[in-house]
Amino acid sequence: MNIDKQGRRQFIKIASCTVASYSFLPSCTGLEEGLDTKPLKFGVITDVHQDLIHDASARVTSFGNAMNEQKADFICQLGDFCIPHNRNRNFMNAWNSSFQGPRYHVIGNHDMDGGKKKNAVIQFWGMESAYYSFDQKGVHFIVLDGNEVGGKARGYKRFISKKQINWIGEDLKKTQLPTVVLVHQPLDGHKIGIENHAEVRQELEAAKNTEGNNKVIASFCGHNHDDYAVEINGIHYIRINSSSYSWLGGKYKEKSYSDDIHKKYKWLQHTAPYKDAIWAEVEINPIEGKITIKGQQTSWVGKDPWQRGMSIEQKNPKITGPRISNRTLDKS
């Protein structure tokens, strides 16, 4: 069938009305310009922990190179990346040079270790602000800062202020695109996630498209170093595993590398490191209403947690292992 440019746009517009019953898009949205494309593809990596593990630069380089090969539209990291210190310049150079496309940041709690200020992190990474939004290939993305003052948690803050929640609502009013949230700490109600998660989720669920369906389709986070997904009130919440290790603590500490490495990275023996970097490749097809996640898996370095003495009863709730699962998430 031979269709001229104007006719092609009209054909796509009609198609968007036809598929709306199972797509992420409302019917007759007027978004036909963005529909004549392949699905959005992006790479997600999180909890690299440059300041704790010796080969973090190699991990982000392998991630960036892989995403180049997969022709990803952009990449993002979901926090616990690196503190703003001069010794981390080479690591930032590895991140910035390995992937030839847009790169986005989410701030994690450990990125301000050593008394570093949030503004220093923003400047060091080249961010515009701690929370922001952007569009990519027919999908809207909201990046949140889960490290604000508030709540009752001791130690690291894991709270989203009323000001930021109001901004979320205003930002969602300005877009008709299906929306994905990127945040470091979980919003799914986990005990070490965002304290006021219910308030944040209420704001996300309140944003509807013209069909009355949720405008927000998914949220991706890191922080827990696990591999998990759940749907809550029509929104998918996906926790991405650390690229680098599982945290075990001092009770199960073991040297997995040379003495020289452990002398420089004193907390590394408290972890069970992953041999290779792991990450997720995410594909979103707004027309089909489908999110596809392709995860990586590798092996442990040295003894695994159970060889170190962790009981088998602790295996499932405590440790995911060096993998990110493949998942297909459909519109509910």
Protein backbone atom coordinates (compact mmCIF):
# COMPACT_ATOMS: atom_id res chain seq x y z
CA MET A 1 0.00 0.00 0.00
CA ASN A 2 1.42 3.36 -1.02
CA ILE A 3 0.51 6.22 1.37
CA ASP A 4 1.79 9.80 1.06
CA LYS A 5 3.10 11.64 4.13
CA GLN A 6 -0.18 13.31 5.02
CA GLY A 7 -2.14 10.12 4.43
CA ARG A 8 0.39 8.16 6.48
CA ARG A 9 -0.13 10.45 9.47
CA GLN A 10 -3.88 10.07 9.18
CA PHE A 11 -3.54 6.28 8.91
CA ILE A 12 -1.44 6.21 12.09
CA LYS A 13 -3.91 8.48 13.86
CA ILE A 14 -6.77 6.12 13.00
CA ALA A 15 -4.64 3.19 14.16
CA SER A 16 -4.03 4.88 17.51
CA CYS A 17 -7.78 5.13 18.02
CA THR A 18 -8.19 1.46 17.06
CA VAL A 19 -5.54 0.01 19.40
CA ALA A 20 -6.30 2.18 22.41
CA SER A 21 -8.16 -0.61 24.18
CA TYR A 22 -4.90 -2.48 24.79
CA SER A 23 -2.24 0.21 24.41
CA PHE A 24 -0.74 2.60 26.95
CA LEU A 25 -2.15 5.45 24.84
CA PRO A 26 -5.62 6.96 25.12
CA SER A 27 -7.71 6.82 21.96
CA CYS A 28 -7.34 9.66 19.44
CA THR A 29 -4.59 11.30 21.46
CA GLY A 30 -3.18 13.46 18.68
CA LEU A 31 0.20 11.81 19.32
CA GLU A 32 0.35 10.26 15.88
CA GLU A 33 3.69 11.93 15.11
CA GLY A 34 5.39 9.75 17.72
CA LEU A 35 3.75 6.46 16.80
CA ASP A 36 5.55 5.75 13.53
CA THR A 37 8.64 4.47 15.34
CA LYS A 38 10.11 1.32 16.81
CA PRO A 39 9.47 0.70 20.53
CA LEU A 40 11.54 2.68 23.01
CA LYS A 41 14.61 0.82 24.24
CA PHE A 42 16.78 1.92 27.15
CA GLY A 43 19.35 0.49 29.55
CA VAL A 44 19.08 0.57 33.36
CA ILE A 45 21.94 0.02 35.78
CA THR A 46 21.96 0.72 39.50
CA ASP A 47 23.96 0.49 42.71
CA VAL A 48 27.33 0.30 40.99
CA HIS A 49 29.01 1.69 44.15
CA GLN A 50 32.20 3.10 42.69
CA ASP A 51 33.41 4.02 46.17
CA LEU A 52 33.12 0.47 47.46
CA ILE A 53 34.20 -1.82 44.63
CA HIS A 54 37.43 -1.68 42.65
CA ASP A 55 36.18 -2.41 39.11
CA ALA A 56 33.20 -0.04 38.86
CA SER A 57 34.65 1.75 35.82
CA ALA A 58 34.84 -1.54 33.93
CA ARG A 59 31.25 -2.31 34.91
CA VAL A 60 29.80 0.92 33.52
CA THR A 61 31.99 0.63 30.43
CA SER A 62 30.70 -2.86 29.63
CA PHE A 63 27.15 -1.61 30.21
CA GLY A 64 27.59 1.37 27.90
CA ASN A 65 29.22 -0.70 25.18
CA ALA A 66 26.43 -3.27 25.34
CA MET A 67 23.78 -0.57 25.06
CA ASN A 68 25.56 0.85 22.01
CA GLU A 69 25.39 -2.57 20.39
CA GLN A 70 21.69 -2.85 21.26
CA LYS A 71 21.07 0.64 19.83
CA ALA A 72 19.43 1.81 23.04
CA ASP A 73 17.74 5.21 22.89
CA PHE A 74 19.25 6.21 26.24
CA ILE A 75 20.70 4.82 29.47
CA CYS A 76 20.07 5.66 33.11
CA GLN A 77 21.57 4.81 36.47
CA LEU A 78 19.31 4.62 39.52
CA GLY A 79 21.65 5.81 42.26
CA ASP A 80 24.43 4.73 44.63
CA PHE A 81 26.76 5.58 41.78
CA CYS A 82 29.67 7.62 43.15
CA ILE A 83 30.30 10.46 45.57
CA PRO A 84 31.51 13.79 44.11
CA HIS A 85 35.23 13.35 44.77
CA ASN A 86 38.19 14.03 42.48
CA ARG A 87 39.28 10.40 42.70
CA ASN A 88 36.07 9.49 40.85
CA ARG A 89 36.77 11.60 37.76
CA ASN A 90 38.00 8.59 35.78
CA PHE A 91 34.87 6.68 36.71
CA MET A 92 32.69 9.54 35.46
CA ASN A 93 34.73 9.68 32.27
CA ALA A 94 34.07 5.96 31.74
CA TRP A 95 30.33 6.53 32.17
CA ASN A 96 30.24 9.57 29.89
CA SER A 97 32.37 8.09 27.11
CA SER A 98 31.14 4.50 26.86
CA PHE A 99 27.58 5.14 25.64
CA GLN A 100 27.04 7.36 22.63
CA GLY A 101 23.64 8.76 23.52
CA PRO A 102 21.64 10.48 26.28
CA ARG A 103 22.49 9.50 29.87
CA TYR A 104 20.32 10.21 32.90
CA HIS A 105 20.99 10.12 36.64
CA VAL A 106 19.01 9.35 39.79
CA ILE A 107 20.53 10.29 43.15
CA GLY A 108 20.93 7.52 45.73
CA ASN A 109 21.50 7.76 49.46
CA HIS A 110 25.16 6.66 49.30
CA ASP A 111 26.04 9.30 46.72
CA MET A 112 26.27 11.82 49.56
CA ASP A 113 28.48 9.68 51.80
CA GLY A 114 31.35 11.36 53.60
CA GLY A 115 29.29 14.48 54.28
CA LYS A 116 28.97 15.42 50.62
CA LYS A 117 26.16 17.81 49.72
CA LYS A 118 23.43 17.05 47.21
CA ASN A 119 24.30 20.12 45.14
CA ALA A 120 27.86 18.82 44.82
CA VAL A 121 26.50 15.52 43.44
CA ILE A 122 24.29 17.39 40.95
CA GLN A 123 27.25 19.44 39.73
CA PHE A 124 29.71 16.53 39.61
CA TRP A 125 27.34 14.37 37.57
CA GLY A 126 26.20 17.19 35.29
CA MET A 127 22.54 17.10 36.34
CA GLU A 128 20.19 20.06 36.07
CA SER A 129 18.41 19.35 39.36
CA ALA A 130 17.75 16.58 41.89
CA TYR A 131 14.36 15.79 40.34
CA TYR A 132 13.25 16.47 36.78
CA SER A 133 11.42 14.99 33.79
CA PHE A 134 12.12 14.27 30.13
CA ASP A 135 10.53 12.68 27.07
CA GLN A 136 11.97 9.90 24.95
CA LYS A 137 10.29 8.39 21.91
CA GLY A 138 6.69 8.77 22.98
CA VAL A 139 7.23 8.04 26.69
CA HIS A 140 7.45 10.57 29.52
CA PHE A 141 9.93 9.97 32.36
CA ILE A 142 9.86 11.46 35.86
CA VAL A 143 13.06 11.28 37.92
CA LEU A 144 12.49 11.60 41.67
CA ASP A 145 14.76 12.48 44.58
CA GLY A 146 14.01 10.14 47.48
CA ASN A 147 16.62 11.67 49.79
CA GLU A 148 14.73 14.65 51.17
CA VAL A 149 14.40 15.69 54.80
CA GLY A 150 11.34 14.30 56.56
CA GLY A 151 9.96 11.08 57.95
CA LYS A 152 11.08 9.13 60.99
CA ALA A 153 13.85 6.93 59.59
CA ARG A 154 17.20 7.09 61.34
CA GLY A 155 20.32 7.55 59.29
CA TYR A 156 19.81 7.95 55.57
CA LYS A 157 16.75 9.95 54.53
CA ARG A 158 14.22 8.18 52.33
CA PHE A 159 11.45 10.69 52.01
CA ILE A 160 9.81 12.78 49.28
CA SER A 161 8.69 16.24 50.34
CA LYS A 162 5.27 17.76 49.81
CA LYS A 163 6.89 20.28 47.46
CA GLN A 164 8.21 17.50 45.25
CA ILE A 165 4.90 15.62 45.36
CA ASN A 166 3.09 18.77 44.22
CA TRP A 167 5.64 19.08 41.40
CA ILE A 168 4.88 15.49 40.36
CA GLY A 169 1.20 16.33 40.03
CA GLU A 170 1.88 19.47 38.01
CA ASP A 171 4.33 17.67 35.76
CA LEU A 172 1.84 14.89 35.03
CA LYS A 173 -0.81 17.44 34.06
CA LYS A 174 1.49 18.74 31.32
CA THR A 175 1.87 15.44 29.43
CA GLN A 176 -0.45 13.08 27.60
CA LEU A 177 2.28 10.47 27.20
CA PRO A 178 2.50 7.19 29.11
CA THR A 179 4.82 7.88 32.03
CA VAL A 180 7.59 5.96 33.81
CA VAL A 181 9.01 6.96 37.21
CA LEU A 182 12.71 6.53 38.02
CA VAL A 183 13.70 6.67 41.69
CA HIS A 184 16.39 5.15 43.90
CA GLN A 185 14.38 3.82 46.86
CA PRO A 186 11.31 1.61 46.30
CA LEU A 187 7.80 3.04 46.17
CA ASP A 188 6.17 -0.39 46.57
CA GLY A 189 5.97 -0.27 50.37
CA HIS A 190 9.19 -2.14 51.23
CA LYS A 191 10.34 -1.41 54.79
CA ILE A 192 13.54 0.34 53.62
CA GLY A 193 11.86 2.15 50.74
CA ILE A 194 10.35 5.63 50.55
CA GLU A 195 8.67 6.28 53.92
CA ASN A 196 5.72 8.22 52.51
CA HIS A 197 5.29 5.86 49.55
CA ALA A 198 1.51 5.78 49.90
CA GLU A 199 1.27 9.55 49.48
CA VAL A 200 3.52 9.47 46.43
CA ARG A 201 1.63 6.55 44.86
CA GLN A 202 -1.66 8.35 45.44
CA GLU A 203 -0.34 11.24 43.32
CA LEU A 204 0.82 8.85 40.60
CA GLU A 205 -2.50 6.99 40.53
CA ALA A 206 -4.49 10.22 40.38
CA ALA A 207 -3.06 11.07 36.95
CA LYS A 208 -5.36 9.54 34.34
CA ASN A 209 -5.41 9.65 30.56
CA THR A 210 -8.55 10.44 28.56
CA GLU A 211 -9.63 6.80 28.77
CA GLY A 212 -9.57 6.93 32.56
CA ASN A 213 -6.54 4.64 32.81
CA ASN A 214 -3.37 5.37 34.76
CA LYS A 215 -1.05 7.75 32.98
CA VAL A 216 1.85 6.31 35.02
CA ILE A 217 2.56 2.79 33.80
CA ALA A 218 5.68 1.80 35.75
CA SER A 219 8.33 2.75 38.28
CA PHE A 220 11.93 1.49 38.31
CA CYS A 221 14.18 1.67 41.38
CA GLY A 222 17.36 0.21 42.88
CA HIS A 223 18.52 0.47 46.51
CA ASN A 224 17.54 -3.02 47.74
CA HIS A 225 20.04 -5.02 45.63
CA ASP A 226 17.28 -7.45 44.72
CA ASP A 227 15.20 -8.60 41.76
CA TYR A 228 11.49 -8.01 42.21
CA ALA A 229 8.36 -6.73 40.50
CA VAL A 230 4.82 -6.12 41.70
CA GLU A 231 1.72 -4.40 40.31
CA ILE A 232 -0.14 -2.03 42.63
CA ASN A 233 -3.37 -0.40 41.45
CA GLY A 234 -2.43 -0.74 37.81
CA ILE A 235 1.18 0.50 38.07
CA HIS A 236 4.16 -1.84 37.76
CA TYR A 237 6.91 -1.37 40.38
CA ILE A 238 10.22 -2.98 39.38
CA ARG A 239 13.27 -3.25 41.62
CA ILE A 240 16.54 -3.65 39.69
CA ASN A 241 19.40 -5.60 41.28
CA SER A 242 22.78 -4.04 42.00
CA SER A 243 25.28 -4.18 39.19
CA SER A 244 28.03 -5.14 41.61
CA TYR A 245 27.20 -7.18 44.73
CA SER A 246 24.91 -8.42 47.49
CA TRP A 247 25.52 -6.84 50.88
CA LEU A 248 26.04 -9.45 53.65
CA GLY A 249 27.47 -7.48 56.56
CA GLY A 250 30.30 -8.18 58.98
CA LYS A 251 28.97 -11.53 60.20
CA TYR A 252 29.63 -13.12 56.78
CA LYS A 253 32.65 -11.11 55.65
CA GLU A 254 35.16 -12.82 53.38
CA LYS A 255 37.95 -11.61 51.10
CA SER A 256 36.96 -12.36 47.51
CA TYR A 257 39.88 -10.50 45.90
CA SER A 258 43.53 -9.84 46.66
CA ASP A 259 44.73 -8.30 49.92
CA ASP A 260 45.76 -5.15 48.05
CA ILE A 261 42.25 -4.61 46.72
CA HIS A 262 40.65 -5.22 50.10
CA LYS A 263 43.11 -2.88 51.79
CA LYS A 264 41.96 -0.08 49.49
CA TYR A 265 38.25 -1.00 49.61
CA LYS A 266 37.71 -1.94 53.25
CA TRP A 267 33.96 -2.59 53.02
CA LEU A 268 34.24 -4.93 50.05
CA GLN A 269 34.73 -8.01 52.27
CA HIS A 270 31.24 -7.36 53.69
CA THR A 271 29.77 -8.10 50.25
CA ALA A 272 29.34 -11.09 47.95
CA PRO A 273 30.54 -9.57 44.66
CA TYR A 274 29.16 -10.39 41.22
CA LYS A 275 31.81 -11.54 38.72
CA ASP A 276 30.46 -9.39 35.89
CA ALA A 277 28.29 -6.30 35.78
CA ILE A 278 24.57 -6.92 35.49
CA TRP A 279 21.92 -4.56 34.17
CA ALA A 280 18.52 -4.51 32.46
CA GLU A 281 17.52 -3.66 28.92
CA VAL A 282 13.97 -2.30 28.88
CA GLU A 283 11.69 -2.05 25.86
CA ILE A 284 8.42 -0.16 26.03
CA ASN A 285 5.86 -0.49 23.27
CA PRO A 286 3.15 2.11 24.01
CA ILE A 287 0.91 0.87 21.19
CA GLU A 288 0.93 -2.77 22.34
CA GLY A 289 0.81 -1.81 26.02
CA LYS A 290 3.80 -3.98 26.87
CA ILE A 291 7.02 -3.55 28.87
CA THR A 292 9.74 -6.12 28.22
CA ILE A 293 12.74 -6.45 30.53
CA LYS A 294 15.82 -8.42 29.53
CA GLY A 295 18.13 -8.97 32.48
CA GLN A 296 21.72 -10.15 32.85
CA GLN A 297 23.07 -12.87 35.08
CA THR A 298 26.54 -13.87 36.15
CA SER A 299 28.23 -15.80 38.99
CA TRP A 300 29.64 -15.00 42.42
CA VAL A 301 33.26 -14.07 43.05
CA GLY A 302 34.68 -16.40 45.67
CA LYS A 303 32.36 -18.00 48.22
CA ASP A 304 28.63 -17.44 47.88
CA PRO A 305 26.60 -16.31 50.95
CA TRP A 306 25.72 -19.87 52.03
CA GLN A 307 29.28 -21.08 51.78
CA ARG A 308 30.07 -18.25 54.17
CA GLY A 309 27.58 -19.56 56.71
CA MET A 310 24.29 -17.86 55.87
CA SER A 311 21.45 -20.28 56.60
CA ILE A 312 19.32 -21.60 53.76
CA GLU A 313 16.24 -20.10 55.46
CA GLN A 314 17.72 -16.67 54.80
CA LYS A 315 18.26 -17.35 51.11
CA ASN A 316 15.00 -16.17 49.58
CA PRO A 317 14.17 -13.11 51.69
CA LYS A 318 17.75 -11.94 52.07
CA ILE A 319 19.64 -12.57 48.84
CA THR A 320 18.55 -12.47 45.21
CA GLY A 321 21.85 -13.59 43.70
CA PRO A 322 23.81 -12.26 40.71
CA ARG A 323 20.92 -11.91 38.27
CA ILE A 324 18.15 -9.70 36.93
CA SER A 325 15.11 -11.61 35.69
CA ASN A 326 13.51 -11.39 32.27
CA ARG A 327 9.96 -10.07 32.56
CA THR A 328 7.05 -9.14 30.31
CA LEU A 329 4.64 -6.69 31.93
CA ASP A 330 1.31 -5.99 30.23
CA LYS A 331 -1.17 -3.23 30.71
CA SER A 332 -3.64 -4.26 33.39
